[in-house]
Amino acid sequence: MIRSVVRGFGAALPKRVMTNKEIESKVDTSDEWIVQRTGIRQRYIAGEGETSASLGEAAARAALERAELTPDDIDLIIVATSTPDNTFPATAVNIQNRLGMRHGAAFDMQAVCSGFVYAVATADAYIRGGLSKRALVIGAETFSRLLDWTDRTTCVLFGDGAGAIVLEAQEGAGTKADRGILTAQLRSDGAHREKLYVDGGPSTTGTVGHLRMEGREVFKHAVGMITDVIEAAFEATGTTADDIDWLVPHQANRRIIDGSAKKLGIPLEKVVVTVDLHGNTSAASIPLALDAAASDGRIKKGDLVMLEAMGGGFTWGSVLLRW
C-alpha cells in the first residue's frame, strides 16, 4: 500500500525574542507565575515584514533543502494557519508563488491549534488516493497579531513561528512496521466555541478581533480529548504506549503536556517539549517541535512518533507515524 513518508523537515522563527520579564512590563504578571502555570519562559514575536507567509516560506525552503528536493518536485501545499496574511487568497497560494511554483495545488486549512494534524491527515489522504506524490505541509502563525496585550490571561501564552514537513508517497507492506503515516484520528465539537475563539471576523465585525479564552475550561477538557484520539490511534494500529518512541504534542501548556503523558503511561523522557522556548504557536507548534527533536538527533529513522493537538472549536486529533 502507499504510505506518506516524511522526507524532510524545517522551521523558521521571527528575529525578536520576548521574555517573560518583558511581559512583566506590559501587564500585571510575573516570570515566576508564567513558568509555574504554563512552563513558558519566552516566545518569538513577528516584526515588520515578518508574516505567516514569509515564515512559512522559510520553513518550507528548509524542509525542501533537508529533503534534497526543489519546489518543482512538490505538487501540493497545505498551510495550517489561523492568521493568514490576507482574508484571501490563501497563504498557501502566497507561499506557492514565493517558491516560484506554477503547478500543483495549494490551499489553507483552519483548525486552530489542531491545524497541522488536520493538514497532515489531509495530505496523507491526497497521497494515498493518488492525487499527490509529494506534499509540503506547513504550520505558520503570527498569533501575536490576534492578542489583546492588556489581557494577562492570554498575552503570556502565544508566540509566532512556522514549521514544515515534506511528505512523499512510498510503498509499504501495510503493517505497523511501515515507515510513514500509519493512522490519523480527527475530532471536533462546535459546542465549545465560546471557550476559545477570536471576537472578530470579516462576516461579523469586519475586523480581525482579539483572542478570547476561558483557560480553566480549556484545561478541563484538554487531557481527556487528547487521550481519546491517542487511544483511538493505538486501537487502529494495534500499538500501545510502550511502542511509542516519541510523543510530540501541541505545545500549549506544560501542565497539559505532562498530564496527558501521565494518563497515557508515556514516560516524560519520551515527550518532546519546546513550549518553554516558543510558547503556544498554534498550528506551528508541532512542526517546530518536530524540527527541534529531529535536528538534534532525538527522533531517528524508524522511530514511532505520535503527534497530538487540541484547539479552538474545539478541534482535536492525532497522527501516528513511523519516521
Protein backbone atom coordinates (compact mmCIF):
# COMPACT_ATOMS: atom_id res chain seq x y z
CA MET A 1 0.00 0.00 0.00
CA ILE A 2 1.02 3.64 -0.39
CA ARG A 3 2.34 5.39 2.72
CA SER A 4 3.06 9.10 3.26
CA VAL A 5 6.67 9.21 4.46
CA VAL A 6 8.41 12.24 5.97
CA ARG A 7 11.19 13.15 3.56
CA GLY A 8 12.27 16.48 5.08
CA PHE A 9 11.51 18.97 7.85
CA GLY A 10 12.26 22.61 8.60
CA ALA A 11 11.41 25.56 10.84
CA ALA A 12 11.53 29.33 10.94
CA LEU A 13 11.20 31.80 13.81
CA PRO A 14 10.96 35.60 13.93
CA LYS A 15 14.06 37.56 14.92
CA ARG A 16 12.62 39.05 18.09
CA VAL A 17 12.52 37.11 21.36
CA MET A 18 10.13 38.31 24.06
CA THR A 19 10.93 37.02 27.55
CA ASN A 20 8.57 36.80 30.49
CA LYS A 21 10.46 39.71 32.05
CA GLU A 22 9.43 41.92 29.13
CA ILE A 23 5.79 40.88 29.55
CA GLU A 24 6.02 41.90 33.22
CA SER A 25 6.38 45.49 31.99
CA LYS A 26 3.15 45.21 29.93
CA VAL A 27 0.67 43.55 32.30
CA ASP A 28 0.38 42.61 35.98
CA THR A 29 2.12 39.22 35.96
CA SER A 30 5.49 37.69 36.80
CA ASP A 31 8.03 35.35 35.27
CA GLU A 32 7.55 33.00 38.23
CA TRP A 33 3.76 32.85 37.74
CA ILE A 34 4.01 32.28 33.98
CA VAL A 35 6.60 29.50 34.33
CA GLN A 36 4.70 27.80 37.16
CA ARG A 37 1.33 27.85 35.38
CA THR A 38 2.43 27.26 31.76
CA GLY A 39 6.12 26.28 31.54
CA ILE A 40 6.71 29.17 29.11
CA ARG A 41 9.89 31.23 29.53
CA GLN A 42 9.97 33.10 26.22
CA ARG A 43 8.32 33.36 22.82
CA TYR A 44 9.15 34.82 19.39
CA ILE A 45 7.22 37.83 18.10
CA ALA A 46 6.94 38.71 14.41
CA GLY A 47 8.27 42.13 13.45
CA GLU A 48 7.76 44.37 10.46
CA GLY A 49 7.91 42.37 7.23
CA GLU A 50 7.57 39.04 9.07
CA THR A 51 4.25 37.35 8.26
CA SER A 52 2.73 33.89 8.28
CA ALA A 53 3.64 33.58 4.59
CA SER A 54 7.25 34.75 4.97
CA LEU A 55 7.84 32.44 7.95
CA GLY A 56 6.06 29.59 6.16
CA GLU A 57 8.20 30.09 3.07
CA ALA A 58 11.40 29.97 5.13
CA ALA A 59 10.30 26.77 6.89
CA ALA A 60 9.29 25.23 3.55
CA ARG A 61 12.66 26.02 1.98
CA ALA A 62 14.44 24.47 4.98
CA ALA A 63 12.32 21.30 4.66
CA LEU A 64 12.96 21.09 0.91
CA GLU A 65 16.71 21.52 1.41
CA ARG A 66 16.81 18.76 4.01
CA ALA A 67 14.79 16.53 1.67
CA GLU A 68 17.20 17.37 -1.20
CA LEU A 69 14.23 18.46 -3.30
CA THR A 70 13.15 21.64 -5.11
CA PRO A 71 9.73 23.28 -5.45
CA ASP A 72 9.48 21.56 -8.86
CA ASP A 73 9.25 18.22 -7.01
CA ILE A 74 6.19 19.30 -4.99
CA ASP A 75 2.62 19.03 -6.29
CA LEU A 76 0.61 20.00 -3.19
CA ILE A 77 0.95 22.68 -0.49
CA ILE A 78 -1.31 22.72 2.56
CA VAL A 79 -0.83 25.52 5.08
CA ALA A 80 -2.39 25.22 8.52
CA THR A 81 -2.97 28.73 9.87
CA SER A 82 -5.47 30.84 11.79
CA THR A 83 -3.50 34.00 11.00
CA PRO A 84 -3.39 34.27 7.18
CA ASP A 85 -1.64 37.19 5.51
CA ASN A 86 -4.94 38.10 3.85
CA THR A 87 -8.56 37.02 4.12
CA PHE A 88 -7.88 35.70 0.64
CA PRO A 89 -6.05 34.46 -1.34
CA ALA A 90 -4.85 31.57 0.78
CA THR A 91 -1.47 31.87 2.48
CA ALA A 92 -0.61 28.57 0.77
CA VAL A 93 -1.02 30.22 -2.64
CA ASN A 94 1.15 33.10 -1.45
CA ILE A 95 3.87 30.65 -0.38
CA GLN A 96 3.48 28.73 -3.65
CA ASN A 97 4.20 31.98 -5.52
CA ARG A 98 7.15 32.83 -3.24
CA LEU A 99 8.62 29.41 -4.03
CA GLY A 100 8.26 30.09 -7.76
CA MET A 101 5.78 27.26 -8.29
CA ARG A 102 3.36 27.48 -11.21
CA HIS A 103 1.94 23.98 -10.90
CA GLY A 104 0.10 21.78 -8.43
CA ALA A 105 -2.49 22.85 -5.86
CA ALA A 106 -2.26 24.96 -2.72
CA PHE A 107 -4.82 25.75 -0.03
CA ASP A 108 -5.13 26.69 3.63
CA MET A 109 -6.60 24.62 6.46
CA GLN A 110 -8.14 26.22 9.55
CA ALA A 111 -8.45 24.06 12.64
CA VAL A 112 -6.61 26.43 15.01
CA CYS A 113 -4.07 24.58 17.19
CA SER A 114 -5.05 21.23 15.64
CA GLY A 115 -4.43 22.64 12.19
CA PHE A 116 -1.14 20.89 11.50
CA VAL A 117 -2.58 17.49 12.48
CA TYR A 118 -5.59 18.14 10.22
CA ALA A 119 -3.29 19.25 7.38
CA VAL A 120 -1.07 16.17 7.70
CA ALA A 121 -4.15 13.91 7.68
CA THR A 122 -5.46 15.69 4.57
CA ALA A 123 -2.14 15.48 2.73
CA ASP A 124 -1.99 11.79 3.62
CA ALA A 125 -5.44 11.26 2.08
CA TYR A 126 -4.33 13.02 -1.12
CA ILE A 127 -1.17 10.91 -1.31
CA ARG A 128 -2.88 7.59 -0.57
CA GLY A 129 -5.59 8.48 -3.07
CA GLY A 130 -3.06 9.07 -5.82
CA LEU A 131 -3.78 12.81 -6.11
CA SER A 132 -0.33 13.85 -4.89
CA LYS A 133 3.17 12.39 -4.94
CA ARG A 134 4.93 14.94 -2.73
CA ALA A 135 3.28 17.44 -0.42
CA LEU A 136 4.55 20.38 1.61
CA VAL A 137 2.62 20.59 4.88
CA ILE A 138 3.23 23.84 6.72
CA GLY A 139 2.06 25.25 10.04
CA ALA A 140 2.56 29.02 10.09
CA GLU A 141 1.22 31.52 12.62
CA THR A 142 1.57 35.13 13.76
CA PHE A 143 -0.73 34.86 16.76
CA SER A 144 0.83 37.93 18.38
CA ARG A 145 -1.33 39.98 16.00
CA LEU A 146 -4.52 38.50 17.48
CA LEU A 147 -3.59 39.20 21.10
CA ASP A 148 -5.05 41.77 23.45
CA TRP A 149 -1.84 42.90 25.14
CA THR A 150 -3.84 44.15 28.16
CA ASP A 151 -5.28 40.66 28.82
CA ARG A 152 -2.77 38.92 31.07
CA THR A 153 -4.59 35.58 30.81
CA THR A 154 -3.85 35.23 27.08
CA CYS A 155 -0.98 37.52 26.05
CA VAL A 156 1.55 35.50 28.05
CA LEU A 157 0.73 32.26 26.22
CA PHE A 158 1.22 32.75 22.49
CA GLY A 159 4.05 33.28 20.04
CA ASP A 160 4.85 33.25 16.34
CA GLY A 161 6.70 30.86 14.04
CA ALA A 162 6.43 28.24 11.31
CA GLY A 163 7.38 24.63 10.70
CA ALA A 164 7.10 22.36 7.67
CA ILE A 165 7.48 18.77 6.53
CA VAL A 166 7.70 17.17 3.11
CA LEU A 167 5.55 14.06 2.72
CA GLU A 168 6.35 11.64 -0.12
CA ALA A 169 4.43 8.66 -1.49
CA GLN A 170 6.35 5.42 -0.86
CA GLU A 171 5.26 1.80 -0.98
CA GLY A 172 4.76 -0.03 2.28
CA ALA A 173 3.74 -3.53 3.24
CA GLY A 174 0.61 -2.36 5.03
CA THR A 175 1.87 -3.21 8.52
CA LYS A 176 2.69 -1.10 11.55
CA ALA A 177 6.37 -1.61 10.73
CA ASP A 178 5.97 0.59 7.62
CA ARG A 179 7.60 4.00 7.51
CA GLY A 180 5.15 6.86 7.11
CA ILE A 181 1.73 7.76 8.45
CA LEU A 182 0.00 4.75 9.99
CA THR A 183 -3.25 6.41 11.11
CA ALA A 184 -4.88 9.79 11.69
CA GLN A 185 -7.73 10.46 14.11
CA LEU A 186 -9.66 13.74 13.87
CA ARG A 187 -12.46 15.14 16.03
CA SER A 188 -14.40 18.38 16.55
CA ASP A 189 -17.25 19.71 18.68
CA GLY A 190 -18.52 23.21 17.94
CA ALA A 191 -20.48 23.38 21.19
CA HIS A 192 -17.27 24.58 22.87
CA ARG A 193 -16.82 27.65 20.66
CA GLU A 194 -17.09 30.23 23.47
CA LYS A 195 -14.26 28.66 25.43
CA LEU A 196 -11.58 29.61 22.88
CA TYR A 197 -12.29 31.95 19.97
CA VAL A 198 -11.47 35.27 18.29
CA ASP A 199 -14.09 38.00 18.74
CA GLY A 200 -13.95 39.31 15.19
CA GLY A 201 -14.08 38.34 11.53
CA PRO A 202 -14.97 39.57 8.03
CA SER A 203 -18.59 38.35 8.17
CA THR A 204 -19.41 39.60 11.69
CA THR A 205 -17.42 42.63 12.83
CA GLY A 206 -15.38 43.38 9.73
CA THR A 207 -12.30 43.38 11.96
CA VAL A 208 -9.59 40.87 12.86
CA GLY A 209 -10.59 40.79 16.54
CA HIS A 210 -8.75 39.51 19.59
CA LEU A 211 -8.28 36.04 21.03
CA ARG A 212 -10.53 35.21 23.99
CA MET A 213 -10.18 32.14 26.18
CA GLU A 214 -11.70 30.51 29.23
CA GLY A 215 -8.45 28.96 30.41
CA ARG A 216 -9.84 26.68 33.10
CA GLU A 217 -12.46 25.25 30.73
CA VAL A 218 -9.87 24.55 28.03
CA PHE A 219 -7.60 22.87 30.57
CA LYS A 220 -10.51 20.80 31.91
CA HIS A 221 -11.28 19.30 28.50
CA ALA A 222 -7.76 19.06 27.07
CA VAL A 223 -6.35 15.93 28.71
CA GLY A 224 -9.47 13.83 28.08
CA MET A 225 -9.74 14.86 24.43
CA ILE A 226 -6.06 14.23 23.77
CA THR A 227 -6.26 10.83 25.44
CA ASP A 228 -9.30 9.97 23.28
CA VAL A 229 -7.53 10.41 19.92
CA ILE A 230 -4.28 8.81 21.05
CA GLU A 231 -6.06 5.71 22.32
CA ALA A 232 -8.01 5.58 19.04
CA ALA A 233 -4.69 5.61 17.16
CA PHE A 234 -3.42 2.75 19.30
CA GLU A 235 -6.57 0.74 18.60
CA ALA A 236 -6.38 1.41 14.85
CA THR A 237 -2.79 0.20 14.58
CA GLY A 238 -2.51 -2.46 17.27
CA THR A 239 0.10 -0.46 19.16
CA THR A 240 0.38 0.64 22.78
CA ALA A 241 2.05 3.40 24.76
CA ASP A 242 5.02 1.08 25.25
CA ASP A 243 5.64 1.10 21.48
CA ILE A 244 5.92 4.90 21.28
CA ASP A 245 9.43 6.29 20.88
CA TRP A 246 8.37 9.94 20.94
CA LEU A 247 5.23 11.89 21.80
CA VAL A 248 5.24 15.27 20.03
CA PRO A 249 2.30 17.18 21.49
CA HIS A 250 0.87 20.58 20.68
CA GLN A 251 2.86 22.97 22.84
CA ALA A 252 0.10 24.85 24.68
CA ASN A 253 0.87 24.36 28.36
CA ARG A 254 3.42 22.23 30.19
CA ARG A 255 0.84 21.02 32.68
CA ILE A 256 -1.45 19.75 29.89
CA ILE A 257 1.52 18.00 28.22
CA ASP A 258 2.63 16.33 31.46
CA GLY A 259 -0.93 15.38 32.45
CA SER A 260 -1.64 13.76 29.09
CA ALA A 261 1.61 11.78 29.10
CA LYS A 262 0.97 10.57 32.64
CA LYS A 263 -2.59 9.47 31.86
CA LEU A 264 -1.37 7.55 28.80
CA GLY A 265 1.58 5.97 30.60
CA ILE A 266 4.18 7.60 28.35
CA PRO A 267 7.38 8.49 30.27
CA LEU A 268 8.22 12.20 30.24
CA GLU A 269 11.67 11.43 28.81
CA LYS A 270 9.84 10.35 25.62
CA VAL A 271 7.95 13.65 25.31
CA VAL A 272 9.28 16.47 23.12
CA VAL A 273 8.78 19.81 24.89
CA THR A 274 9.51 23.20 23.32
CA VAL A 275 6.77 25.28 24.98
CA ASP A 276 9.39 26.89 27.23
CA LEU A 277 11.17 28.35 24.18
CA HIS A 278 8.32 29.06 21.75
CA GLY A 279 5.14 29.46 23.80
CA ASN A 280 1.94 28.36 22.08
CA THR A 281 2.43 28.86 18.33
CA SER A 282 -0.89 27.20 17.47
CA ALA A 283 -0.63 25.24 14.19
CA ALA A 284 3.13 25.85 14.05
CA SER A 285 3.88 24.23 17.41
CA ILE A 286 4.05 20.56 16.37
CA PRO A 287 6.26 21.08 13.29
CA LEU A 288 8.53 23.39 15.32
CA ALA A 289 8.86 20.67 17.98
CA LEU A 290 9.43 18.01 15.30
CA ASP A 291 12.20 20.10 13.77
CA ALA A 292 13.87 20.60 17.15
CA ALA A 293 13.84 16.90 18.06
CA ALA A 294 14.78 15.61 14.61
CA SER A 295 17.55 18.19 14.15
CA ASP A 296 19.29 17.26 17.40
CA GLY A 297 19.04 13.53 16.67
CA ARG A 298 16.44 12.52 19.22
CA ILE A 299 13.94 11.44 16.55
CA LYS A 300 15.63 8.91 14.28
CA LYS A 301 14.63 6.93 11.20
CA GLY A 302 12.32 4.08 12.20
CA ASP A 303 11.10 5.74 15.41
CA LEU A 304 7.37 5.53 16.16
CA VAL A 305 6.14 9.10 16.69
CA MET A 306 2.77 10.27 17.99
CA LEU A 307 1.55 13.76 17.15
CA GLU A 308 -1.44 15.21 19.01
CA ALA A 309 -3.21 18.54 19.36
CA MET A 310 -6.33 20.25 20.63
CA GLY A 311 -7.52 23.71 19.66
CA GLY A 312 -10.37 26.18 19.42
CA GLY A 313 -13.67 24.93 18.15
CA PHE A 314 -12.96 22.56 19.86
CA THR A 315 -10.94 20.51 17.41
CA TRP A 316 -8.57 17.74 18.36
CA GLY A 317 -6.65 14.97 16.64
CA SER A 318 -3.66 12.65 16.44
CA VAL A 319 -1.33 11.25 13.82
CA LEU A 320 0.78 8.15 14.38
CA LEU A 321 3.75 7.83 12.04
CA ARG A 322 6.99 5.95 11.69
CA TRP A 323 9.83 8.38 10.99
